[in-house]
Amino acid sequence: MANVKTAISLQQSLFEQVDALAQELEISRSRLFVLAVEVFIQRYQNRQLLEAINEAYADLPDPEEQALRHQMRQQHRQMVEGQW
């Protein structure tokens, strides 16, 4: 996979924190940025997925549909009662 170089601007204090952490972890600053972006992207994708799941489950049946389902369950129970 090809690497692409990019330039970013940081506040001096943030740069110093990044530099110190990279030294502590014994990795390059570039590697630290790559790791941070990978984690950020994964968290973002997980949030998007969670929102989609929550949206799907938020579409609850209306009271009329719930009543119909309840009636269908009762009828089904009556049909199979005593068979098992």
PDB file of N, CA and C in Angstrom:
ATOM      1  N   MET A   1       0.843  -1.169   0.000  1.00  0.00           N
ATOM      2  CA  MET A   1       0.000   0.000   0.000  1.00  0.00           C
ATOM      3  C   MET A   1       0.894   1.239   0.000  1.00  0.00           C
ATOM      4  N   ALA A   2       0.621   2.171  -0.867  1.00  0.00           N
ATOM      5  CA  ALA A   2       1.443   3.370  -0.981  1.00  0.00           C
ATOM      6  C   ALA A   2       1.183   4.322   0.174  1.00  0.00           C
ATOM      7  N   ASN A   3       2.231   4.968   0.626  1.00  0.00           N
ATOM      8  CA  ASN A   3       2.104   5.986   1.668  1.00  0.00           C
ATOM      9  C   ASN A   3       1.989   7.350   1.020  1.00  0.00           C
ATOM     10  N   VAL A   4       1.243   8.220   1.666  1.00  0.00           N
ATOM     11  CA  VAL A   4       1.068   9.582   1.202  1.00  0.00           C
ATOM     12  C   VAL A   4       1.507  10.510   2.311  1.00  0.00           C
ATOM     13  N   LYS A   5       2.310  11.487   1.976  1.00  0.00           N
ATOM     14  CA  LYS A   5       2.743  12.465   2.973  1.00  0.00           C
ATOM     15  C   LYS A   5       1.749  13.610   3.009  1.00  0.00           C
ATOM     16  N   THR A   6       1.552  14.136   4.214  1.00  0.00           N
ATOM     17  CA  THR A   6       0.662  15.273   4.380  1.00  0.00           C
ATOM     18  C   THR A   6       1.239  16.177   5.467  1.00  0.00           C
ATOM     19  N   ALA A   7       0.845  17.408   5.442  1.00  0.00           N
ATOM     20  CA  ALA A   7       1.281  18.360   6.460  1.00  0.00           C
ATOM     21  C   ALA A   7       0.057  18.819   7.237  1.00  0.00           C
ATOM     22  N   ILE A   8       0.225  18.916   8.545  1.00  0.00           N
ATOM     23  CA  ILE A   8      -0.868  19.406   9.379  1.00  0.00           C
ATOM     24  C   ILE A   8      -0.326  20.495  10.301  1.00  0.00           C
ATOM     25  N   SER A   9      -1.201  21.325  10.766  1.00  0.00           N
ATOM     26  CA  SER A   9      -0.827  22.382  11.707  1.00  0.00           C
ATOM     27  C   SER A   9      -1.396  22.048  13.067  1.00  0.00           C
ATOM     28  N   LEU A  10      -0.562  22.143  14.089  1.00  0.00           N
ATOM     29  CA  LEU A  10      -0.962  21.862  15.464  1.00  0.00           C
ATOM     30  C   LEU A  10      -0.560  23.007  16.370  1.00  0.00           C
ATOM     31  N   GLN A  11      -1.290  23.163  17.432  1.00  0.00           N
ATOM     32  CA  GLN A  11      -0.843  24.098  18.459  1.00  0.00           C
ATOM     33  C   GLN A  11       0.424  23.527  19.073  1.00  0.00           C
ATOM     34  N   GLN A  12       1.303  24.409  19.472  1.00  0.00           N
ATOM     35  CA  GLN A  12       2.598  23.999  20.018  1.00  0.00           C
ATOM     36  C   GLN A  12       2.433  23.027  21.182  1.00  0.00           C
ATOM     37  N   SER A  13       1.500  23.299  22.076  1.00  0.00           N
ATOM     38  CA  SER A  13       1.321  22.440  23.250  1.00  0.00           C
ATOM     39  C   SER A  13       0.879  21.028  22.845  1.00  0.00           C
ATOM     40  N   LEU A  14       0.002  20.924  21.853  1.00  0.00           N
ATOM     41  CA  LEU A  14      -0.431  19.615  21.384  1.00  0.00           C
ATOM     42  C   LEU A  14       0.730  18.883  20.714  1.00  0.00           C
ATOM     43  N   PHE A  15       1.495  19.600  19.919  1.00  0.00           N
ATOM     44  CA  PHE A  15       2.660  18.985  19.268  1.00  0.00           C
ATOM     45  C   PHE A  15       3.615  18.419  20.314  1.00  0.00           C
ATOM     46  N   GLU A  16       3.822  19.157  21.375  1.00  0.00           N
ATOM     47  CA  GLU A  16       4.734  18.692  22.431  1.00  0.00           C
ATOM     48  C   GLU A  16       4.190  17.440  23.113  1.00  0.00           C
ATOM     49  N   GLN A  17       2.881  17.382  23.307  1.00  0.00           N
ATOM     50  CA  GLN A  17       2.279  16.188  23.896  1.00  0.00           C
ATOM     51  C   GLN A  17       2.437  14.989  22.963  1.00  0.00           C
ATOM     52  N   VAL A  18       2.203  15.216  21.681  1.00  0.00           N
ATOM     53  CA  VAL A  18       2.345  14.146  20.682  1.00  0.00           C
ATOM     54  C   VAL A  18       3.786  13.662  20.654  1.00  0.00           C
ATOM     55  N   ASP A  19       4.692  14.580  20.627  1.00  0.00           N
ATOM     56  CA  ASP A  19       6.118  14.235  20.576  1.00  0.00           C
ATOM     57  C   ASP A  19       6.524  13.432  21.808  1.00  0.00           C
ATOM     58  N   ALA A  20       6.081  13.853  22.983  1.00  0.00           N
ATOM     59  CA  ALA A  20       6.425  13.164  24.227  1.00  0.00           C
ATOM     60  C   ALA A  20       5.825  11.749  24.236  1.00  0.00           C
ATOM     61  N   LEU A  21       4.578  11.624  23.795  1.00  0.00           N
ATOM     62  CA  LEU A  21       3.939  10.311  23.782  1.00  0.00           C
ATOM     63  C   LEU A  21       4.613   9.381  22.777  1.00  0.00           C
ATOM     64  N   ALA A  22       4.951   9.906  21.620  1.00  0.00           N
ATOM     65  CA  ALA A  22       5.636   9.092  20.613  1.00  0.00           C
ATOM     66  C   ALA A  22       6.968   8.576  21.161  1.00  0.00           C
ATOM     67  N   GLN A  23       7.689   9.430  21.855  1.00  0.00           N
ATOM     68  CA  GLN A  23       8.965   9.003  22.450  1.00  0.00           C
ATOM     69  C   GLN A  23       8.733   7.940  23.522  1.00  0.00           C
ATOM     70  N   GLU A  24       7.689   8.159  24.332  1.00  0.00           N
ATOM     71  CA  GLU A  24       7.381   7.202  25.401  1.00  0.00           C
ATOM     72  C   GLU A  24       7.009   5.840  24.823  1.00  0.00           C
ATOM     73  N   LEU A  25       6.238   5.844  23.751  1.00  0.00           N
ATOM     74  CA  LEU A  25       5.816   4.602  23.115  1.00  0.00           C
ATOM     75  C   LEU A  25       6.878   4.026  22.179  1.00  0.00           C
ATOM     76  N   GLU A  26       7.923   4.794  21.959  1.00  0.00           N
ATOM     77  CA  GLU A  26       9.021   4.410  21.065  1.00  0.00           C
ATOM     78  C   GLU A  26       8.512   4.141  19.654  1.00  0.00           C
ATOM     79  N   ILE A  27       7.679   5.073  19.165  1.00  0.00           N
ATOM     80  CA  ILE A  27       7.201   5.038  17.787  1.00  0.00           C
ATOM     81  C   ILE A  27       7.369   6.435  17.205  1.00  0.00           C
ATOM     82  N   SER A  28       7.288   6.522  15.904  1.00  0.00           N
ATOM     83  CA  SER A  28       7.414   7.829  15.271  1.00  0.00           C
ATOM     84  C   SER A  28       6.135   8.640  15.476  1.00  0.00           C
ATOM     85  N   ARG A  29       6.273   9.949  15.334  1.00  0.00           N
ATOM     86  CA  ARG A  29       5.078  10.796  15.403  1.00  0.00           C
ATOM     87  C   ARG A  29       4.099  10.411  14.304  1.00  0.00           C
ATOM     88  N   SER A  30       4.618  10.111  13.131  1.00  0.00           N
ATOM     89  CA  SER A  30       3.741   9.705  12.029  1.00  0.00           C
ATOM     90  C   SER A  30       2.939   8.466  12.405  1.00  0.00           C
ATOM     91  N   ARG A  31       3.596   7.492  13.009  1.00  0.00           N
ATOM     92  CA  ARG A  31       2.895   6.262  13.419  1.00  0.00           C
ATOM     93  C   ARG A  31       1.835   6.568  14.465  1.00  0.00           C
ATOM     94  N   LEU A  32       2.140   7.465  15.384  1.00  0.00           N
ATOM     95  CA  LEU A  32       1.175   7.849  16.414  1.00  0.00           C
ATOM     96  C   LEU A  32      -0.061   8.497  15.779  1.00  0.00           C
ATOM     97  N   PHE A  33       0.159   9.367  14.807  1.00  0.00           N
ATOM     98  CA  PHE A  33      -0.977   9.985  14.111  1.00  0.00           C
ATOM     99  C   PHE A  33      -1.801   8.933  13.362  1.00  0.00           C
ATOM    100  N   VAL A  34      -1.130   7.996  12.725  1.00  0.00           N
ATOM    101  CA  VAL A  34      -1.841   6.930  12.003  1.00  0.00           C
ATOM    102  C   VAL A  34      -2.701   6.128  12.975  1.00  0.00           C
ATOM    103  N   LEU A  35      -2.131   5.749  14.106  1.00  0.00           N
ATOM    104  CA  LEU A  35      -2.891   4.987  15.102  1.00  0.00           C
ATOM    105  C   LEU A  35      -4.097   5.780  15.592  1.00  0.00           C
ATOM    106  N   ALA A  36      -3.886   7.065  15.854  1.00  0.00           N
ATOM    107  CA  ALA A  36      -4.979   7.906  16.353  1.00  0.00           C
ATOM    108  C   ALA A  36      -6.092   8.044  15.321  1.00  0.00           C
ATOM    109  N   VAL A  37      -5.739   8.217  14.063  1.00  0.00           N
ATOM    110  CA  VAL A  37      -6.751   8.361  13.014  1.00  0.00           C
ATOM    111  C   VAL A  37      -7.490   7.042  12.806  1.00  0.00           C
ATOM    112  N   GLU A  38      -6.775   5.923  12.866  1.00  0.00           N
ATOM    113  CA  GLU A  38      -7.435   4.621  12.721  1.00  0.00           C
ATOM    114  C   GLU A  38      -8.468   4.416  13.825  1.00  0.00           C
ATOM    115  N   VAL A  39      -8.104   4.745  15.050  1.00  0.00           N
ATOM    116  CA  VAL A  39      -9.042   4.607  16.173  1.00  0.00           C
ATOM    117  C   VAL A  39     -10.225   5.542  15.990  1.00  0.00           C
ATOM    118  N   PHE A  40      -9.961   6.784  15.570  1.00  0.00           N
ATOM    119  CA  PHE A  40     -11.031   7.757  15.356  1.00  0.00           C
ATOM    120  C   PHE A  40     -12.012   7.249  14.306  1.00  0.00           C
ATOM    121  N   ILE A  41     -11.494   6.756  13.192  1.00  0.00           N
ATOM    122  CA  ILE A  41     -12.354   6.261  12.112  1.00  0.00           C
ATOM    123  C   ILE A  41     -13.175   5.066  12.583  1.00  0.00           C
ATOM    124  N   GLN A  42     -12.561   4.136  13.313  1.00  0.00           N
ATOM    125  CA  GLN A  42     -13.287   2.965  13.816  1.00  0.00           C
ATOM    126  C   GLN A  42     -14.401   3.390  14.757  1.00  0.00           C
ATOM    127  N   ARG A  43     -14.129   4.320  15.652  1.00  0.00           N
ATOM    128  CA  ARG A  43     -15.160   4.806  16.577  1.00  0.00           C
ATOM    129  C   ARG A  43     -16.284   5.504  15.814  1.00  0.00           C
ATOM    130  N   TYR A  44     -15.926   6.271  14.816  1.00  0.00           N
ATOM    131  CA  TYR A  44     -16.937   6.966  14.008  1.00  0.00           C
ATOM    132  C   TYR A  44     -17.834   5.955  13.295  1.00  0.00           C
ATOM    133  N   GLN A  45     -17.237   4.955  12.696  1.00  0.00           N
ATOM    134  CA  GLN A  45     -18.016   3.929  11.997  1.00  0.00           C
ATOM    135  C   GLN A  45     -18.908   3.160  12.964  1.00  0.00           C
ATOM    136  N   ASN A  46     -18.400   2.872  14.162  1.00  0.00           N
ATOM    137  CA  ASN A  46     -19.207   2.187  15.165  1.00  0.00           C
ATOM    138  C   ASN A  46     -20.400   3.047  15.588  1.00  0.00           C
ATOM    139  N   ARG A  47     -20.167   4.357  15.745  1.00  0.00           N
ATOM    140  CA  ARG A  47     -21.260   5.266  16.096  1.00  0.00           C
ATOM    141  C   ARG A  47     -22.311   5.302  14.996  1.00  0.00           C
ATOM    142  N   GLN A  48     -21.860   5.336  13.735  1.00  0.00           N
ATOM    143  CA  GLN A  48     -22.787   5.350  12.609  1.00  0.00           C
ATOM    144  C   GLN A  48     -23.636   4.076  12.606  1.00  0.00           C
ATOM    145  N   LEU A  49     -22.994   2.943  12.833  1.00  0.00           N
ATOM    146  CA  LEU A  49     -23.699   1.667  12.870  1.00  0.00           C
ATOM    147  C   LEU A  49     -24.695   1.643  14.020  1.00  0.00           C
ATOM    148  N   LEU A  50     -24.286   2.107  15.193  1.00  0.00           N
ATOM    149  CA  LEU A  50     -25.182   2.135  16.342  1.00  0.00           C
ATOM    150  C   LEU A  50     -26.390   3.026  16.070  1.00  0.00           C
ATOM    151  N   GLU A  51     -26.165   4.172  15.446  1.00  0.00           N
ATOM    152  CA  GLU A  51     -27.273   5.061  15.098  1.00  0.00           C
ATOM    153  C   GLU A  51     -28.237   4.381  14.118  1.00  0.00           C
ATOM    154  N   ALA A  52     -27.699   3.663  13.162  1.00  0.00           N
ATOM    155  CA  ALA A  52     -28.549   2.960  12.197  1.00  0.00           C
ATOM    156  C   ALA A  52     -29.358   1.868  12.890  1.00  0.00           C
ATOM    157  N   ILE A  53     -28.725   1.142  13.803  1.00  0.00           N
ATOM    158  CA  ILE A  53     -29.430   0.101  14.542  1.00  0.00           C
ATOM    159  C   ILE A  53     -30.521   0.712  15.412  1.00  0.00           C
ATOM    160  N   ASN A  54     -30.183   1.787  16.117  1.00  0.00           N
ATOM    161  CA  ASN A  54     -31.165   2.446  16.968  1.00  0.00           C
ATOM    162  C   ASN A  54     -32.329   2.994  16.155  1.00  0.00           C
ATOM    163  N   GLU A  55     -32.037   3.514  14.992  1.00  0.00           N
ATOM    164  CA  GLU A  55     -33.100   4.033  14.124  1.00  0.00           C
ATOM    165  C   GLU A  55     -34.021   2.904  13.671  1.00  0.00           C
ATOM    166  N   ALA A  56     -33.436   1.762  13.358  1.00  0.00           N
ATOM    167  CA  ALA A  56     -34.250   0.629  12.925  1.00  0.00           C
ATOM    168  C   ALA A  56     -35.157   0.143  14.051  1.00  0.00           C
ATOM    169  N   TYR A  57     -34.637   0.108  15.267  1.00  0.00           N
ATOM    170  CA  TYR A  57     -35.440  -0.346  16.396  1.00  0.00           C
ATOM    171  C   TYR A  57     -36.419   0.723  16.889  1.00  0.00           C
ATOM    172  N   ALA A  58     -36.192   1.966  16.528  1.00  0.00           N
ATOM    173  CA  ALA A  58     -37.081   3.046  16.950  1.00  0.00           C
ATOM    174  C   ALA A  58     -38.398   3.008  16.180  1.00  0.00           C
ATOM    175  N   ASP A  59     -38.426   2.280  15.097  1.00  0.00           N
ATOM    176  CA  ASP A  59     -39.625   2.190  14.277  1.00  0.00           C
ATOM    177  C   ASP A  59     -40.555   1.117  14.856  1.00  0.00           C
ATOM    178  N   LEU A  60     -41.117   1.419  16.027  1.00  0.00           N
ATOM    179  CA  LEU A  60     -41.997   0.470  16.698  1.00  0.00           C
ATOM    180  C   LEU A  60     -43.373   0.464  16.047  1.00  0.00           C
ATOM    181  N   PRO A  61     -44.058  -0.654  16.154  1.00  0.00           N
ATOM    182  CA  PRO A  61     -45.398  -0.716  15.562  1.00  0.00           C
ATOM    183  C   PRO A  61     -46.356   0.223  16.304  1.00  0.00           C
ATOM    184  N   ASP A  62     -47.310   0.748  15.570  1.00  0.00           N
ATOM    185  CA  ASP A  62     -48.304   1.631  16.194  1.00  0.00           C
ATOM    186  C   ASP A  62     -49.272   0.782  17.013  1.00  0.00           C
ATOM    187  N   PRO A  63     -50.090   1.401  17.851  1.00  0.00           N
ATOM    188  CA  PRO A  63     -50.997   0.640  18.729  1.00  0.00           C
ATOM    189  C   PRO A  63     -51.926  -0.305  17.968  1.00  0.00           C
ATOM    190  N   GLU A  64     -52.387   0.091  16.801  1.00  0.00           N
ATOM    191  CA  GLU A  64     -53.268  -0.775  16.014  1.00  0.00           C
ATOM    192  C   GLU A  64     -52.539  -2.046  15.593  1.00  0.00           C
ATOM    193  N   GLU A  65     -51.292  -1.892  15.150  1.00  0.00           N
ATOM    194  CA  GLU A  65     -50.506  -3.063  14.746  1.00  0.00           C
ATOM    195  C   GLU A  65     -50.186  -3.943  15.951  1.00  0.00           C
ATOM    196  N   GLN A  66     -49.900  -3.329  17.090  1.00  0.00           N
ATOM    197  CA  GLN A  66     -49.628  -4.104  18.296  1.00  0.00           C
ATOM    198  C   GLN A  66     -50.859  -4.923  18.691  1.00  0.00           C
ATOM    199  N   ALA A  67     -52.038  -4.329  18.603  1.00  0.00           N
ATOM    200  CA  ALA A  67     -53.277  -5.041  18.928  1.00  0.00           C
ATOM    201  C   ALA A  67     -53.485  -6.211  17.974  1.00  0.00           C
ATOM    202  N   LEU A  68     -53.219  -5.989  16.692  1.00  0.00           N
ATOM    203  CA  LEU A  68     -53.358  -7.053  15.703  1.00  0.00           C
ATOM    204  C   LEU A  68     -52.396  -8.200  15.995  1.00  0.00           C
ATOM    205  N   ARG A  69     -51.160  -7.868  16.335  1.00  0.00           N
ATOM    206  CA  ARG A  69     -50.180  -8.906  16.672  1.00  0.00           C
ATOM    207  C   ARG A  69     -50.643  -9.701  17.892  1.00  0.00           C
ATOM    208  N   HIS A  70     -51.157  -8.989  18.894  1.00  0.00           N
ATOM    209  CA  HIS A  70     -51.635  -9.642  20.113  1.00  0.00           C
ATOM    210  C   HIS A  70     -52.765 -10.622  19.764  1.00  0.00           C
ATOM    211  N   GLN A  71     -53.681 -10.182  18.931  1.00  0.00           N
ATOM    212  CA  GLN A  71     -54.799 -11.021  18.522  1.00  0.00           C
ATOM    213  C   GLN A  71     -54.301 -12.248  17.752  1.00  0.00           C
ATOM    214  N   MET A  72     -53.331 -12.050  16.881  1.00  0.00           N
ATOM    215  CA  MET A  72     -52.775 -13.165  16.108  1.00  0.00           C
ATOM    216  C   MET A  72     -52.097 -14.178  17.031  1.00  0.00           C
ATOM    217  N   ARG A  73     -51.375 -13.695  18.044  1.00  0.00           N
ATOM    218  CA  ARG A  73     -50.727 -14.602  18.991  1.00  0.00           C
ATOM    219  C   ARG A  73     -51.768 -15.433  19.749  1.00  0.00           C
ATOM    220  N   GLN A  74     -52.836 -14.767  20.168  1.00  0.00           N
ATOM    221  CA  GLN A  74     -53.885 -15.494  20.885  1.00  0.00           C
ATOM    222  C   GLN A  74     -54.507 -16.571  20.006  1.00  0.00           C
ATOM    223  N   GLN A  75     -54.778 -16.236  18.769  1.00  0.00           N
ATOM    224  CA  GLN A  75     -55.357 -17.216  17.850  1.00  0.00           C
ATOM    225  C   GLN A  75     -54.398 -18.383  17.626  1.00  0.00           C
ATOM    226  N   HIS A  76     -53.132 -18.078  17.500  1.00  0.00           N
ATOM    227  CA  HIS A  76     -52.127 -19.126  17.296  1.00  0.00           C
ATOM    228  C   HIS A  76     -52.069 -20.036  18.513  1.00  0.00           C
ATOM    229  N   ARG A  77     -52.102 -19.461  19.706  1.00  0.00           N
ATOM    230  CA  ARG A  77     -52.076 -20.267  20.925  1.00  0.00           C
ATOM    231  C   ARG A  77     -53.278 -21.213  20.966  1.00  0.00           C
ATOM    232  N   GLN A  78     -54.450 -20.699  20.600  1.00  0.00           N
ATOM    233  CA  GLN A  78     -55.659 -21.522  20.600  1.00  0.00           C
ATOM    234  C   GLN A  78     -55.537 -22.665  19.592  1.00  0.00           C
ATOM    235  N   MET A  79     -54.922 -22.389  18.452  1.00  0.00           N
ATOM    236  CA  MET A  79     -54.787 -23.402  17.413  1.00  0.00           C
ATOM    237  C   MET A  79     -53.859 -24.530  17.847  1.00  0.00           C
ATOM    238  N   VAL A  80     -52.793 -24.218  18.558  1.00  0.00           N
ATOM    239  CA  VAL A  80     -51.800 -25.244  18.925  1.00  0.00           C
ATOM    240  C   VAL A  80     -51.993 -25.777  20.331  1.00  0.00           C
ATOM    241  N   GLU A  81     -52.977 -25.230  21.052  1.00  0.00           N
ATOM    242  CA  GLU A  81     -53.208 -25.653  22.438  1.00  0.00           C
ATOM    243  C   GLU A  81     -53.495 -27.155  22.473  1.00  0.00           C
ATOM    244  N   GLY A  82     -52.787 -27.831  23.350  1.00  0.00           N
ATOM    245  CA  GLY A  82     -52.972 -29.261  23.514  1.00  0.00           C
ATOM    246  C   GLY A  82     -52.193 -30.115  22.526  1.00  0.00           C
ATOM    247  N   GLN A  83     -51.553 -29.517  21.558  1.00  0.00           N
ATOM    248  CA  GLN A  83     -50.794 -30.295  20.572  1.00  0.00           C
ATOM    249  C   GLN A  83     -49.404 -30.653  21.079  1.00  0.00           C
ATOM    250  N   TRP A  84     -48.914 -29.916  22.058  1.00  0.00           N
ATOM    251  CA  TRP A  84     -47.549 -30.175  22.539  1.00  0.00           C
ATOM    252  C   TRP A  84     -47.580 -30.669  23.919  1.00  0.00           C
TER     253      TRP A  84
END
